[in-house]
Amino acid sequence: MANPTTRVLAVLELLQTHVQMGGAELAERLGVNRRNIRRYITLLEDMGVPIIRQKI
């Protein structure tokens, strides 16, 4: 999954199906680091996708 757009869409799909999934698990599933996940989340928010961030 080398294409960044594909990874952003994969993040969106995972968040829609697993509401409580954290950054570490997202990164592990996609084979990227947590910094990339934060970047993908920001891209989704910039596109108007509502992301609810929860501190546990």
PDB file of N, CA and C in Angstrom:
ATOM      1  N   MET A   1       0.852  -1.174   0.000  1.00  0.00           N
ATOM      2  CA  MET A   1       0.000   0.000   0.000  1.00  0.00           C
ATOM      3  C   MET A   1       0.898   1.237   0.000  1.00  0.00           C
ATOM      4  N   ALA A   2       1.501   1.552  -1.121  1.00  0.00           N
ATOM      5  CA  ALA A   2       2.493   2.618  -1.206  1.00  0.00           C
ATOM      6  C   ALA A   2       1.890   3.997  -1.439  1.00  0.00           C
ATOM      7  N   ASN A   3       0.707   4.070  -2.007  1.00  0.00           N
ATOM      8  CA  ASN A   3       0.106   5.345  -2.355  1.00  0.00           C
ATOM      9  C   ASN A   3      -0.463   6.034  -1.107  1.00  0.00           C
ATOM     10  N   PRO A   4      -0.032   7.283  -0.807  1.00  0.00           N
ATOM     11  CA  PRO A   4      -0.546   7.985   0.372  1.00  0.00           C
ATOM     12  C   PRO A   4      -2.068   8.159   0.357  1.00  0.00           C
ATOM     13  N   THR A   5      -2.645   8.381  -0.807  1.00  0.00           N
ATOM     14  CA  THR A   5      -4.099   8.521  -0.887  1.00  0.00           C
ATOM     15  C   THR A   5      -4.782   7.234  -0.466  1.00  0.00           C
ATOM     16  N   THR A   6      -4.224   6.124  -0.869  1.00  0.00           N
ATOM     17  CA  THR A   6      -4.762   4.824  -0.481  1.00  0.00           C
ATOM     18  C   THR A   6      -4.691   4.643   1.030  1.00  0.00           C
ATOM     19  N   ARG A   7      -3.589   5.085   1.626  1.00  0.00           N
ATOM     20  CA  ARG A   7      -3.442   4.951   3.083  1.00  0.00           C
ATOM     21  C   ARG A   7      -4.426   5.857   3.815  1.00  0.00           C
ATOM     22  N   VAL A   8      -4.641   7.076   3.322  1.00  0.00           N
ATOM     23  CA  VAL A   8      -5.602   7.977   3.954  1.00  0.00           C
ATOM     24  C   VAL A   8      -6.999   7.355   3.912  1.00  0.00           C
ATOM     25  N   LEU A   9      -7.355   6.796   2.776  1.00  0.00           N
ATOM     26  CA  LEU A   9      -8.664   6.140   2.665  1.00  0.00           C
ATOM     27  C   LEU A   9      -8.738   4.902   3.552  1.00  0.00           C
ATOM     28  N   ALA A  10      -7.633   4.196   3.712  1.00  0.00           N
ATOM     29  CA  ALA A  10      -7.603   3.034   4.601  1.00  0.00           C
ATOM     30  C   ALA A  10      -7.797   3.468   6.055  1.00  0.00           C
ATOM     31  N   VAL A  11      -7.200   4.588   6.440  1.00  0.00           N
ATOM     32  CA  VAL A  11      -7.404   5.131   7.782  1.00  0.00           C
ATOM     33  C   VAL A  11      -8.881   5.446   7.985  1.00  0.00           C
ATOM     34  N   LEU A  12      -9.481   6.106   7.022  1.00  0.00           N
ATOM     35  CA  LEU A  12     -10.896   6.440   7.114  1.00  0.00           C
ATOM     36  C   LEU A  12     -11.739   5.180   7.282  1.00  0.00           C
ATOM     37  N   GLU A  13     -11.462   4.177   6.489  1.00  0.00           N
ATOM     38  CA  GLU A  13     -12.217   2.925   6.571  1.00  0.00           C
ATOM     39  C   GLU A  13     -12.051   2.261   7.941  1.00  0.00           C
ATOM     40  N   LEU A  14     -10.823   2.224   8.442  1.00  0.00           N
ATOM     41  CA  LEU A  14     -10.588   1.619   9.752  1.00  0.00           C
ATOM     42  C   LEU A  14     -11.285   2.393  10.862  1.00  0.00           C
ATOM     43  N   LEU A  15     -11.269   3.716  10.775  1.00  0.00           N
ATOM     44  CA  LEU A  15     -11.933   4.523  11.796  1.00  0.00           C
ATOM     45  C   LEU A  15     -13.449   4.351  11.748  1.00  0.00           C
ATOM     46  N   GLN A  16     -13.987   4.150  10.579  1.00  0.00           N
ATOM     47  CA  GLN A  16     -15.432   3.955  10.461  1.00  0.00           C
ATOM     48  C   GLN A  16     -15.860   2.600  11.003  1.00  0.00           C
ATOM     49  N   THR A  17     -15.006   1.599  10.892  1.00  0.00           N
ATOM     50  CA  THR A  17     -15.389   0.263  11.333  1.00  0.00           C
ATOM     51  C   THR A  17     -14.946  -0.046  12.760  1.00  0.00           C
ATOM     52  N   HIS A  18     -13.921   0.651  13.252  1.00  0.00           N
ATOM     53  CA  HIS A  18     -13.401   0.425  14.606  1.00  0.00           C
ATOM     54  C   HIS A  18     -13.326   1.771  15.321  1.00  0.00           C
ATOM     55  N   VAL A  19     -14.398   2.144  15.969  1.00  0.00           N
ATOM     56  CA  VAL A  19     -14.516   3.489  16.548  1.00  0.00           C
ATOM     57  C   VAL A  19     -13.415   3.794  17.569  1.00  0.00           C
ATOM     58  N   GLN A  20     -13.018   2.826  18.346  1.00  0.00           N
ATOM     59  CA  GLN A  20     -12.058   3.068  19.419  1.00  0.00           C
ATOM     60  C   GLN A  20     -10.605   2.754  19.046  1.00  0.00           C
ATOM     61  N   MET A  21     -10.283   2.668  17.779  1.00  0.00           N
ATOM     62  CA  MET A  21      -8.927   2.314  17.371  1.00  0.00           C
ATOM     63  C   MET A  21      -7.986   3.508  17.560  1.00  0.00           C
ATOM     64  N   GLY A  22      -6.859   3.259  18.216  1.00  0.00           N
ATOM     65  CA  GLY A  22      -5.892   4.318  18.482  1.00  0.00           C
ATOM     66  C   GLY A  22      -4.836   4.435  17.397  1.00  0.00           C
ATOM     67  N   GLY A  23      -4.016   5.455  17.529  1.00  0.00           N
ATOM     68  CA  GLY A  23      -2.986   5.727  16.542  1.00  0.00           C
ATOM     69  C   GLY A  23      -1.963   4.611  16.391  1.00  0.00           C
ATOM     70  N   ALA A  24      -1.577   4.005  17.514  1.00  0.00           N
ATOM     71  CA  ALA A  24      -0.581   2.935  17.453  1.00  0.00           C
ATOM     72  C   ALA A  24      -1.114   1.736  16.673  1.00  0.00           C
ATOM     73  N   GLU A  25      -2.361   1.385  16.918  1.00  0.00           N
ATOM     74  CA  GLU A  25      -2.942   0.244  16.205  1.00  0.00           C
ATOM     75  C   GLU A  25      -3.142   0.565  14.723  1.00  0.00           C
ATOM     76  N   LEU A  26      -3.580   1.794  14.421  1.00  0.00           N
ATOM     77  CA  LEU A  26      -3.717   2.207  13.018  1.00  0.00           C
ATOM     78  C   LEU A  26      -2.368   2.106  12.310  1.00  0.00           C
ATOM     79  N   ALA A  27      -1.336   2.618  12.957  1.00  0.00           N
ATOM     80  CA  ALA A  27       0.002   2.594  12.358  1.00  0.00           C
ATOM     81  C   ALA A  27       0.465   1.166  12.107  1.00  0.00           C
ATOM     82  N   GLU A  28       0.225   0.296  13.077  1.00  0.00           N
ATOM     83  CA  GLU A  28       0.635  -1.098  12.923  1.00  0.00           C
ATOM     84  C   GLU A  28      -0.101  -1.765  11.765  1.00  0.00           C
ATOM     85  N   ARG A  29      -1.398  -1.547  11.671  1.00  0.00           N
ATOM     86  CA  ARG A  29      -2.185  -2.175  10.604  1.00  0.00           C
ATOM     87  C   ARG A  29      -1.779  -1.698   9.217  1.00  0.00           C
ATOM     88  N   LEU A  30      -1.381  -0.419   9.128  1.00  0.00           N
ATOM     89  CA  LEU A  30      -1.020   0.130   7.822  1.00  0.00           C
ATOM     90  C   LEU A  30       0.481   0.039   7.531  1.00  0.00           C
ATOM     91  N   GLY A  31       1.261  -0.355   8.511  1.00  0.00           N
ATOM     92  CA  GLY A  31       2.696  -0.485   8.303  1.00  0.00           C
ATOM     93  C   GLY A  31       3.409   0.850   8.176  1.00  0.00           C
ATOM     94  N   VAL A  32       2.921   1.857   8.910  1.00  0.00           N
ATOM     95  CA  VAL A  32       3.544   3.184   8.919  1.00  0.00           C
ATOM     96  C   VAL A  32       3.772   3.588  10.376  1.00  0.00           C
ATOM     97  N   ASN A  33       4.424   4.731  10.577  1.00  0.00           N
ATOM     98  CA  ASN A  33       4.623   5.176  11.949  1.00  0.00           C
ATOM     99  C   ASN A  33       3.480   6.090  12.400  1.00  0.00           C
ATOM    100  N   ARG A  34       3.443   6.373  13.692  1.00  0.00           N
ATOM    101  CA  ARG A  34       2.336   7.178  14.250  1.00  0.00           C
ATOM    102  C   ARG A  34       2.336   8.600  13.698  1.00  0.00           C
ATOM    103  N   ARG A  35       3.498   9.102  13.336  1.00  0.00           N
ATOM    104  CA  ARG A  35       3.564  10.451  12.757  1.00  0.00           C
ATOM    105  C   ARG A  35       2.769  10.502  11.445  1.00  0.00           C
ATOM    106  N   ASN A  36       2.912   9.462  10.631  1.00  0.00           N
ATOM    107  CA  ASN A  36       2.151   9.403   9.379  1.00  0.00           C
ATOM    108  C   ASN A  36       0.654   9.349   9.661  1.00  0.00           C
ATOM    109  N   ILE A  37       0.256   8.605  10.681  1.00  0.00           N
ATOM    110  CA  ILE A  37      -1.167   8.518  11.028  1.00  0.00           C
ATOM    111  C   ILE A  37      -1.690   9.898  11.403  1.00  0.00           C
ATOM    112  N   ARG A  38      -0.939  10.643  12.189  1.00  0.00           N
ATOM    113  CA  ARG A  38      -1.368  12.002  12.543  1.00  0.00           C
ATOM    114  C   ARG A  38      -1.526  12.864  11.286  1.00  0.00           C
ATOM    115  N   ARG A  39      -0.610  12.705  10.339  1.00  0.00           N
ATOM    116  CA  ARG A  39      -0.683  13.447   9.083  1.00  0.00           C
ATOM    117  C   ARG A  39      -1.939  13.065   8.294  1.00  0.00           C
ATOM    118  N   TYR A  40      -2.244  11.766   8.246  1.00  0.00           N
ATOM    119  CA  TYR A  40      -3.432  11.299   7.520  1.00  0.00           C
ATOM    120  C   TYR A  40      -4.710  11.798   8.183  1.00  0.00           C
ATOM    121  N   ILE A  41      -4.737  11.817   9.511  1.00  0.00           N
ATOM    122  CA  ILE A  41      -5.902  12.323  10.237  1.00  0.00           C
ATOM    123  C   ILE A  41      -6.097  13.809   9.925  1.00  0.00           C
ATOM    124  N   THR A  42      -5.012  14.558   9.897  1.00  0.00           N
ATOM    125  CA  THR A  42      -5.088  15.985   9.568  1.00  0.00           C
ATOM    126  C   THR A  42      -5.625  16.187   8.158  1.00  0.00           C
ATOM    127  N   LEU A  43      -5.173  15.370   7.216  1.00  0.00           N
ATOM    128  CA  LEU A  43      -5.683  15.457   5.842  1.00  0.00           C
ATOM    129  C   LEU A  43      -7.191  15.199   5.801  1.00  0.00           C
ATOM    130  N   LEU A  44      -7.630  14.185   6.529  1.00  0.00           N
ATOM    131  CA  LEU A  44      -9.066  13.891   6.570  1.00  0.00           C
ATOM    132  C   LEU A  44      -9.842  15.068   7.165  1.00  0.00           C
ATOM    133  N   GLU A  45      -9.325  15.644   8.238  1.00  0.00           N
ATOM    134  CA  GLU A  45      -9.992  16.800   8.851  1.00  0.00           C
ATOM    135  C   GLU A  45     -10.021  17.985   7.894  1.00  0.00           C
ATOM    136  N   ASP A  46      -8.940  18.201   7.161  1.00  0.00           N
ATOM    137  CA  ASP A  46      -8.883  19.296   6.186  1.00  0.00           C
ATOM    138  C   ASP A  46      -9.903  19.110   5.070  1.00  0.00           C
ATOM    139  N   MET A  47     -10.262  17.859   4.787  1.00  0.00           N
ATOM    140  CA  MET A  47     -11.269  17.567   3.764  1.00  0.00           C
ATOM    141  C   MET A  47     -12.688  17.635   4.322  1.00  0.00           C
ATOM    142  N   GLY A  48     -12.802  17.931   5.618  1.00  0.00           N
ATOM    143  CA  GLY A  48     -14.117  18.068   6.219  1.00  0.00           C
ATOM    144  C   GLY A  48     -14.660  16.812   6.864  1.00  0.00           C
ATOM    145  N   VAL A  49     -13.837  15.781   6.970  1.00  0.00           N
ATOM    146  CA  VAL A  49     -14.271  14.545   7.623  1.00  0.00           C
ATOM    147  C   VAL A  49     -14.177  14.768   9.134  1.00  0.00           C
ATOM    148  N   PRO A  50     -15.296  14.615   9.852  1.00  0.00           N
ATOM    149  CA  PRO A  50     -15.247  14.838  11.299  1.00  0.00           C
ATOM    150  C   PRO A  50     -14.522  13.688  12.004  1.00  0.00           C
ATOM    151  N   ILE A  51     -13.482  14.013  12.732  1.00  0.00           N
ATOM    152  CA  ILE A  51     -12.704  13.040  13.486  1.00  0.00           C
ATOM    153  C   ILE A  51     -12.824  13.403  14.955  1.00  0.00           C
ATOM    154  N   ILE A  52     -13.266  12.460  15.765  1.00  0.00           N
ATOM    155  CA  ILE A  52     -13.372  12.696  17.204  1.00  0.00           C
ATOM    156  C   ILE A  52     -12.155  12.085  17.871  1.00  0.00           C
ATOM    157  N   ARG A  53     -11.380  12.944  18.498  1.00  0.00           N
ATOM    158  CA  ARG A  53     -10.160  12.477  19.175  1.00  0.00           C
ATOM    159  C   ARG A  53     -10.503  12.287  20.651  1.00  0.00           C
ATOM    160  N   GLN A  54     -10.152  11.130  21.170  1.00  0.00           N
ATOM    161  CA  GLN A  54     -10.436  10.837  22.565  1.00  0.00           C
ATOM    162  C   GLN A  54      -9.143  10.542  23.296  1.00  0.00           C
ATOM    163  N   LYS A  55      -9.026  11.126  24.477  1.00  0.00           N
ATOM    164  CA  LYS A  55      -7.894  10.827  25.354  1.00  0.00           C
ATOM    165  C   LYS A  55      -8.363   9.788  26.354  1.00  0.00           C
ATOM    166  N   ILE A  56      -7.568   8.738  26.466  1.00  0.00           N
ATOM    167  CA  ILE A  56      -7.952   7.665  27.402  1.00  0.00           C
ATOM    168  C   ILE A  56      -6.985   7.663  28.565  1.00  0.00           C
TER     169      ILE A  56
END
